[in-house]
């Protein structure tokens, strides 16, 4: 369906831009202890290498022939970010040790959790929840 394709392409493009921005921020400013990247730090400790990982994953949809090949790496980074954000919320402090109220961290990090959830649900094979939601709304309005 064209609507589903457009939704997926927009989502993949948004996430790609987010990853490229994270990578450039790491390379330019050396933002080491970002809460949403704390689990990736354990896997890739070098900030330059981590920045390159973000940039490569973010560039995949444009470098390859279509967005389908970018889904796996994007979801992996998004799920790592979401898990890192949940870890920061439950610990009550950011990756650099800055203590904040749990509600503050939850609000600050909710974008990564929601984006990962939305990415996974939207890209489930055979699922067209967007179209189904529109049908449900139409049937309840009548």
N, C-alpha and C. Protein backbone atom coordinates (compact mmCIF):
# COMPACT_ATOMS: atom_id res chain seq x y z
N UNK A 1 0.84 -1.19 0.00
CA UNK A 1 0.00 0.00 0.00
C UNK A 1 0.88 1.24 0.00
N UNK A 2 0.52 2.21 -0.79
CA UNK A 2 1.33 3.43 -0.87
C UNK A 2 1.42 4.20 0.44
N UNK A 3 0.34 4.21 1.23
CA UNK A 3 0.37 4.94 2.51
C UNK A 3 1.37 4.30 3.47
N UNK A 4 1.37 2.97 3.50
CA UNK A 4 2.30 2.26 4.38
C UNK A 4 3.73 2.49 3.94
N UNK A 5 3.96 2.44 2.64
CA UNK A 5 5.32 2.67 2.12
C UNK A 5 5.80 4.07 2.49
N UNK A 6 4.92 5.05 2.35
CA UNK A 6 5.30 6.43 2.69
C UNK A 6 5.61 6.56 4.18
N UNK A 7 4.81 5.92 5.02
CA UNK A 7 5.04 5.96 6.47
C UNK A 7 6.39 5.33 6.81
N UNK A 8 6.67 4.18 6.22
CA UNK A 8 7.92 3.49 6.49
C UNK A 8 9.10 4.31 6.00
N UNK A 9 9.00 4.86 4.79
CA UNK A 9 10.11 5.65 4.26
C UNK A 9 10.38 6.88 5.11
N UNK A 10 9.32 7.53 5.58
CA UNK A 10 9.49 8.71 6.44
C UNK A 10 10.13 8.32 7.77
N UNK A 11 9.68 7.22 8.35
CA UNK A 11 10.24 6.76 9.62
C UNK A 11 11.71 6.39 9.46
N UNK A 12 12.05 5.65 8.43
CA UNK A 12 13.43 5.24 8.20
C UNK A 12 14.30 6.47 7.95
N UNK A 13 13.80 7.45 7.20
CA UNK A 13 14.57 8.67 6.95
C UNK A 13 14.79 9.45 8.24
N UNK A 14 13.76 9.55 9.08
CA UNK A 14 13.90 10.26 10.36
C UNK A 14 14.95 9.61 11.24
N UNK A 15 14.85 8.28 11.37
CA UNK A 15 15.80 7.55 12.21
C UNK A 15 17.22 7.66 11.64
N UNK A 16 17.34 7.63 10.32
CA UNK A 16 18.65 7.79 9.69
C UNK A 16 19.26 9.15 10.02
N UNK A 17 18.45 10.18 9.94
CA UNK A 17 18.94 11.53 10.28
C UNK A 17 19.35 11.60 11.75
N UNK A 18 18.56 10.97 12.62
CA UNK A 18 18.89 10.94 14.04
C UNK A 18 20.24 10.26 14.27
N UNK A 19 20.46 9.11 13.62
CA UNK A 19 21.72 8.39 13.78
C UNK A 19 22.90 9.18 13.22
N UNK A 20 22.73 9.80 12.07
CA UNK A 20 23.81 10.61 11.51
C UNK A 20 24.13 11.78 12.43
N UNK A 21 23.10 12.42 12.98
CA UNK A 21 23.32 13.52 13.92
C UNK A 21 24.06 13.04 15.16
N UNK A 22 23.68 11.89 15.71
CA UNK A 22 24.40 11.32 16.87
C UNK A 22 25.86 11.07 16.52
N UNK A 23 26.08 10.48 15.35
CA UNK A 23 27.46 10.20 14.94
C UNK A 23 28.29 11.45 14.77
N UNK A 24 27.73 12.45 14.12
CA UNK A 24 28.46 13.71 13.94
C UNK A 24 28.72 14.40 15.27
N UNK A 25 27.77 14.32 16.18
CA UNK A 25 27.96 14.91 17.51
C UNK A 25 29.09 14.21 18.25
N UNK A 26 29.13 12.90 18.15
CA UNK A 26 30.22 12.14 18.80
C UNK A 26 31.57 12.51 18.18
N UNK A 27 31.62 12.60 16.87
CA UNK A 27 32.90 12.91 16.20
C UNK A 27 33.33 14.35 16.44
N UNK A 28 32.37 15.26 16.45
CA UNK A 28 32.70 16.68 16.56
C UNK A 28 32.95 17.12 18.00
N UNK A 29 32.06 16.73 18.89
CA UNK A 29 32.13 17.23 20.26
C UNK A 29 32.57 16.18 21.27
N UNK A 30 32.65 14.93 20.85
CA UNK A 30 33.06 13.87 21.76
C UNK A 30 32.09 13.65 22.90
N UNK A 31 30.79 13.79 22.61
CA UNK A 31 29.76 13.60 23.63
C UNK A 31 29.77 12.13 24.05
N UNK A 32 30.54 11.82 25.04
CA UNK A 32 30.80 10.43 25.43
C UNK A 32 29.65 9.75 26.15
N UNK A 33 29.17 10.34 27.21
CA UNK A 33 28.27 9.64 28.12
C UNK A 33 26.81 10.02 27.94
N UNK A 34 26.35 9.91 26.72
CA UNK A 34 24.95 10.17 26.44
C UNK A 34 24.14 8.98 26.94
N UNK A 35 23.05 9.26 27.66
CA UNK A 35 22.27 8.18 28.28
C UNK A 35 21.79 7.17 27.26
N UNK A 36 21.31 7.64 26.11
CA UNK A 36 20.76 6.72 25.12
C UNK A 36 21.83 5.88 24.43
N UNK A 37 23.08 6.19 24.65
CA UNK A 37 24.15 5.43 24.02
C UNK A 37 25.00 4.63 24.98
N UNK A 38 24.57 4.52 26.23
CA UNK A 38 25.42 3.88 27.24
C UNK A 38 25.68 2.40 26.98
N UNK A 39 24.71 1.67 26.44
CA UNK A 39 24.96 0.26 26.13
C UNK A 39 25.88 0.10 24.93
N UNK A 40 25.79 1.01 23.98
CA UNK A 40 26.69 0.96 22.82
C UNK A 40 28.12 1.25 23.25
N UNK A 41 28.30 2.05 24.30
CA UNK A 41 29.64 2.33 24.83
C UNK A 41 30.30 1.04 25.29
N UNK A 42 29.52 0.14 25.89
CA UNK A 42 30.06 -1.14 26.35
C UNK A 42 30.49 -2.01 25.17
N UNK A 43 29.81 -1.89 24.04
CA UNK A 43 30.13 -2.69 22.86
C UNK A 43 31.25 -2.05 22.05
N UNK A 44 31.16 -0.72 21.86
CA UNK A 44 32.15 0.03 21.08
C UNK A 44 32.67 1.16 21.97
N UNK A 45 33.73 0.92 22.75
CA UNK A 45 34.18 1.92 23.72
C UNK A 45 34.79 3.18 23.10
N UNK A 46 35.34 3.08 21.92
CA UNK A 46 35.99 4.23 21.27
C UNK A 46 34.94 5.17 20.69
N UNK A 47 34.98 6.46 21.08
CA UNK A 47 33.98 7.43 20.65
C UNK A 47 34.00 7.64 19.14
N UNK A 48 35.18 7.64 18.53
CA UNK A 48 35.27 7.82 17.08
C UNK A 48 34.64 6.63 16.36
N UNK A 49 34.95 5.43 16.80
CA UNK A 49 34.36 4.23 16.19
C UNK A 49 32.84 4.21 16.39
N UNK A 50 32.40 4.62 17.57
CA UNK A 50 30.96 4.67 17.86
C UNK A 50 30.28 5.70 16.96
N UNK A 51 30.92 6.84 16.78
CA UNK A 51 30.37 7.86 15.88
C UNK A 51 30.27 7.35 14.46
N UNK A 52 31.28 6.61 14.03
CA UNK A 52 31.26 6.04 12.68
C UNK A 52 30.17 4.98 12.54
N UNK A 53 29.93 4.21 13.60
CA UNK A 53 28.84 3.22 13.57
C UNK A 53 27.51 3.93 13.33
N UNK A 54 27.26 5.00 14.08
CA UNK A 54 26.02 5.75 13.91
C UNK A 54 25.91 6.30 12.49
N UNK A 55 26.99 6.87 11.96
CA UNK A 55 26.96 7.46 10.63
C UNK A 55 26.75 6.40 9.55
N UNK A 56 27.42 5.27 9.68
CA UNK A 56 27.26 4.20 8.69
C UNK A 56 25.83 3.67 8.70
N UNK A 57 25.30 3.40 9.90
CA UNK A 57 23.92 2.89 9.99
C UNK A 57 22.94 3.94 9.47
N UNK A 58 23.18 5.20 9.78
CA UNK A 58 22.31 6.27 9.29
C UNK A 58 22.38 6.46 7.79
N UNK A 59 23.50 6.14 7.19
CA UNK A 59 23.69 6.32 5.75
C UNK A 59 23.20 5.13 4.93
N UNK A 60 22.94 4.00 5.56
CA UNK A 60 22.55 2.80 4.82
C UNK A 60 21.37 2.99 3.86
N UNK A 61 20.28 3.65 4.27
CA UNK A 61 19.15 3.77 3.33
C UNK A 61 19.51 4.52 2.05
N UNK A 62 20.43 5.46 2.15
CA UNK A 62 20.82 6.22 0.97
C UNK A 62 21.94 5.53 0.19
N UNK A 63 22.77 4.80 0.88
CA UNK A 63 23.90 4.13 0.23
C UNK A 63 23.48 2.86 -0.50
N UNK A 64 22.47 2.19 0.04
CA UNK A 64 22.01 0.94 -0.57
C UNK A 64 20.76 1.23 -1.40
N UNK A 65 20.29 0.24 -2.07
CA UNK A 65 19.13 0.42 -2.94
C UNK A 65 17.83 0.23 -2.17
N UNK A 66 17.50 1.18 -1.34
CA UNK A 66 16.23 1.11 -0.63
C UNK A 66 16.39 1.00 0.87
N UNK A 67 15.29 1.22 1.54
CA UNK A 67 15.27 1.27 2.99
C UNK A 67 15.25 -0.11 3.63
N UNK A 68 14.86 -1.14 2.89
CA UNK A 68 14.70 -2.48 3.49
C UNK A 68 15.97 -3.01 4.13
N UNK A 69 17.11 -2.67 3.57
CA UNK A 69 18.38 -3.17 4.09
C UNK A 69 18.82 -2.42 5.34
N UNK A 70 18.20 -1.29 5.61
CA UNK A 70 18.58 -0.48 6.77
C UNK A 70 17.80 -0.81 8.02
N UNK A 71 16.75 -1.59 7.88
CA UNK A 71 15.86 -1.85 9.01
C UNK A 71 16.56 -2.55 10.17
N UNK A 72 17.28 -3.62 9.89
CA UNK A 72 17.95 -4.38 10.95
C UNK A 72 18.93 -3.56 11.76
N UNK A 73 19.91 -2.91 11.10
CA UNK A 73 20.86 -2.08 11.86
C UNK A 73 20.18 -0.92 12.60
N UNK A 74 19.17 -0.31 11.96
CA UNK A 74 18.45 0.78 12.63
C UNK A 74 17.76 0.28 13.89
N UNK A 75 17.07 -0.84 13.77
CA UNK A 75 16.36 -1.37 14.93
C UNK A 75 17.32 -1.76 16.04
N UNK A 76 18.46 -2.31 15.68
CA UNK A 76 19.44 -2.68 16.69
C UNK A 76 19.90 -1.45 17.48
N UNK A 77 20.27 -0.38 16.77
CA UNK A 77 20.70 0.83 17.47
C UNK A 77 19.56 1.45 18.27
N UNK A 78 18.36 1.45 17.71
CA UNK A 78 17.21 2.00 18.44
C UNK A 78 16.90 1.20 19.70
N UNK A 79 16.95 -0.12 19.59
CA UNK A 79 16.67 -0.95 20.76
C UNK A 79 17.76 -0.80 21.82
N UNK A 80 19.01 -0.66 21.39
CA UNK A 80 20.10 -0.38 22.34
C UNK A 80 19.88 0.97 23.03
N UNK A 81 19.46 1.97 22.25
CA UNK A 81 19.18 3.29 22.82
C UNK A 81 18.02 3.23 23.80
N UNK A 82 16.97 2.52 23.44
CA UNK A 82 15.82 2.39 24.33
C UNK A 82 16.20 1.67 25.62
N UNK A 83 16.97 0.59 25.49
CA UNK A 83 17.40 -0.15 26.68
C UNK A 83 18.31 0.72 27.55
N UNK A 84 19.17 1.51 26.93
CA UNK A 84 20.04 2.43 27.68
C UNK A 84 19.21 3.48 28.41
N UNK A 85 18.19 3.98 27.75
CA UNK A 85 17.31 4.97 28.36
C UNK A 85 16.55 4.37 29.54
N UNK A 86 16.06 3.16 29.37
CA UNK A 86 15.36 2.48 30.47
C UNK A 86 16.31 2.24 31.64
N UNK A 87 17.55 1.88 31.33
CA UNK A 87 18.55 1.69 32.39
C UNK A 87 18.80 2.99 33.15
N UNK A 88 18.87 4.11 32.43
CA UNK A 88 19.08 5.41 33.09
C UNK A 88 17.88 5.77 33.97
N UNK A 89 16.69 5.48 33.48
CA UNK A 89 15.48 5.78 34.25
C UNK A 89 15.45 4.95 35.53
N UNK A 90 15.69 3.66 35.40
CA UNK A 90 15.61 2.79 36.58
C UNK A 90 16.75 3.05 37.57
N UNK A 91 17.91 3.48 37.06
CA UNK A 91 19.04 3.78 37.94
C UNK A 91 18.88 5.15 38.60
N UNK A 92 18.12 6.04 37.98
CA UNK A 92 17.93 7.37 38.54
C UNK A 92 19.08 8.31 38.26
N UNK A 93 19.92 7.95 37.30
CA UNK A 93 21.01 8.84 36.90
C UNK A 93 21.40 8.56 35.46
N UNK A 94 22.02 9.57 34.86
CA UNK A 94 22.50 9.44 33.48
C UNK A 94 23.80 8.64 33.43
N UNK A 95 24.25 8.35 32.24
CA UNK A 95 25.46 7.54 32.06
C UNK A 95 26.69 8.20 32.66
N UNK A 96 26.70 9.55 32.70
CA UNK A 96 27.85 10.25 33.27
C UNK A 96 27.76 10.40 34.78
N UNK A 97 26.71 9.83 35.39
CA UNK A 97 26.56 9.88 36.83
C UNK A 97 25.70 11.01 37.34
N UNK A 98 25.23 11.88 36.47
CA UNK A 98 24.38 13.00 36.87
C UNK A 98 23.05 12.46 37.39
N UNK A 99 22.76 12.79 38.65
CA UNK A 99 21.53 12.32 39.28
C UNK A 99 20.42 13.33 39.02
N UNK A 100 19.30 12.82 38.58
CA UNK A 100 18.11 13.63 38.35
C UNK A 100 16.90 12.82 38.84
N UNK A 101 15.78 13.49 39.09
CA UNK A 101 14.57 12.74 39.45
C UNK A 101 14.20 11.76 38.33
N UNK A 102 13.67 10.64 38.71
CA UNK A 102 13.31 9.61 37.73
C UNK A 102 12.33 10.16 36.70
N UNK A 103 11.38 10.99 37.15
CA UNK A 103 10.41 11.55 36.21
C UNK A 103 11.09 12.45 35.18
N UNK A 104 12.12 13.18 35.58
CA UNK A 104 12.87 14.04 34.67
C UNK A 104 13.57 13.19 33.61
N UNK A 105 14.25 12.14 34.05
CA UNK A 105 14.97 11.27 33.11
C UNK A 105 13.98 10.56 32.19
N UNK A 106 12.85 10.11 32.75
CA UNK A 106 11.84 9.43 31.93
C UNK A 106 11.31 10.34 30.83
N UNK A 107 11.03 11.57 31.17
CA UNK A 107 10.55 12.52 30.17
C UNK A 107 11.63 12.82 29.14
N UNK A 108 12.84 13.00 29.61
CA UNK A 108 13.96 13.32 28.73
C UNK A 108 14.28 12.18 27.76
N UNK A 109 14.17 10.95 28.23
CA UNK A 109 14.58 9.79 27.43
C UNK A 109 13.41 9.08 26.74
N UNK A 110 12.20 9.54 26.96
CA UNK A 110 11.03 8.85 26.40
C UNK A 110 11.05 8.79 24.88
N UNK A 111 11.66 9.77 24.22
CA UNK A 111 11.69 9.77 22.76
C UNK A 111 12.38 8.52 22.22
N UNK A 112 13.45 8.08 22.86
CA UNK A 112 14.18 6.91 22.38
C UNK A 112 13.38 5.62 22.58
N UNK A 113 12.68 5.56 23.69
CA UNK A 113 11.86 4.38 23.97
C UNK A 113 10.68 4.32 23.00
N UNK A 114 9.99 5.44 22.85
CA UNK A 114 8.84 5.48 21.95
C UNK A 114 9.23 5.29 20.49
N UNK A 115 10.34 5.88 20.10
CA UNK A 115 10.79 5.74 18.71
C UNK A 115 11.16 4.29 18.40
N UNK A 116 11.81 3.61 19.32
CA UNK A 116 12.15 2.20 19.11
C UNK A 116 10.88 1.37 19.02
N UNK A 117 9.93 1.63 19.89
CA UNK A 117 8.67 0.90 19.87
C UNK A 117 7.93 1.15 18.56
N UNK A 118 7.83 2.40 18.15
CA UNK A 118 7.14 2.76 16.92
C UNK A 118 7.82 2.13 15.70
N UNK A 119 9.15 2.14 15.70
CA UNK A 119 9.92 1.56 14.60
C UNK A 119 9.64 0.06 14.48
N UNK A 120 9.68 -0.64 15.60
CA UNK A 120 9.46 -2.09 15.58
C UNK A 120 8.03 -2.40 15.14
N UNK A 121 7.04 -1.73 15.72
CA UNK A 121 5.64 -2.01 15.40
C UNK A 121 5.32 -1.66 13.95
N UNK A 122 5.83 -0.55 13.48
CA UNK A 122 5.55 -0.13 12.10
C UNK A 122 6.16 -1.08 11.09
N UNK A 123 7.31 -1.63 11.39
CA UNK A 123 8.02 -2.44 10.41
C UNK A 123 7.81 -3.94 10.58
N UNK A 124 6.89 -4.35 11.44
CA UNK A 124 6.60 -5.78 11.55
C UNK A 124 6.07 -6.28 10.21
N UNK A 125 6.61 -7.39 9.74
CA UNK A 125 6.16 -7.89 8.44
C UNK A 125 4.67 -8.24 8.45
N UNK A 126 3.98 -7.81 7.41
CA UNK A 126 2.57 -8.15 7.26
C UNK A 126 1.64 -7.32 8.12
N UNK A 127 2.16 -6.40 8.90
CA UNK A 127 1.32 -5.58 9.75
C UNK A 127 1.03 -4.26 9.05
N UNK A 128 -0.21 -3.87 9.06
CA UNK A 128 -0.59 -2.58 8.50
C UNK A 128 -1.49 -1.87 9.51
N UNK A 129 -0.92 -1.64 10.69
CA UNK A 129 -1.70 -1.07 11.79
C UNK A 129 -2.21 0.32 11.47
N UNK A 130 -1.47 1.09 10.65
CA UNK A 130 -1.90 2.45 10.31
C UNK A 130 -3.23 2.40 9.55
N UNK A 131 -3.29 1.53 8.56
CA UNK A 131 -4.52 1.36 7.78
C UNK A 131 -5.63 0.81 8.67
N UNK A 132 -5.31 -0.15 9.52
CA UNK A 132 -6.31 -0.73 10.41
C UNK A 132 -6.88 0.30 11.37
N UNK A 133 -6.03 1.19 11.88
CA UNK A 133 -6.50 2.24 12.80
C UNK A 133 -7.46 3.19 12.08
N UNK A 134 -7.18 3.50 10.83
CA UNK A 134 -8.08 4.38 10.06
C UNK A 134 -9.42 3.69 9.85
N UNK A 135 -9.42 2.38 9.58
CA UNK A 135 -10.66 1.64 9.40
C UNK A 135 -11.47 1.63 10.70
N UNK A 136 -10.79 1.43 11.83
CA UNK A 136 -11.47 1.41 13.12
C UNK A 136 -12.12 2.77 13.38
N UNK A 137 -11.36 3.85 13.11
CA UNK A 137 -11.91 5.18 13.31
C UNK A 137 -13.12 5.42 12.43
N UNK A 138 -13.07 5.00 11.17
CA UNK A 138 -14.19 5.20 10.25
C UNK A 138 -15.42 4.44 10.70
N UNK A 139 -15.25 3.23 11.20
CA UNK A 139 -16.40 2.44 11.62
C UNK A 139 -17.01 2.99 12.90
N UNK A 140 -16.22 3.59 13.77
CA UNK A 140 -16.77 4.16 15.01
C UNK A 140 -17.42 5.50 14.78
N UNK A 141 -17.02 6.19 13.74
CA UNK A 141 -17.61 7.52 13.47
C UNK A 141 -19.02 7.38 12.89
N UNK A 142 -19.25 6.33 12.13
CA UNK A 142 -20.55 6.15 11.47
C UNK A 142 -21.63 5.91 12.43
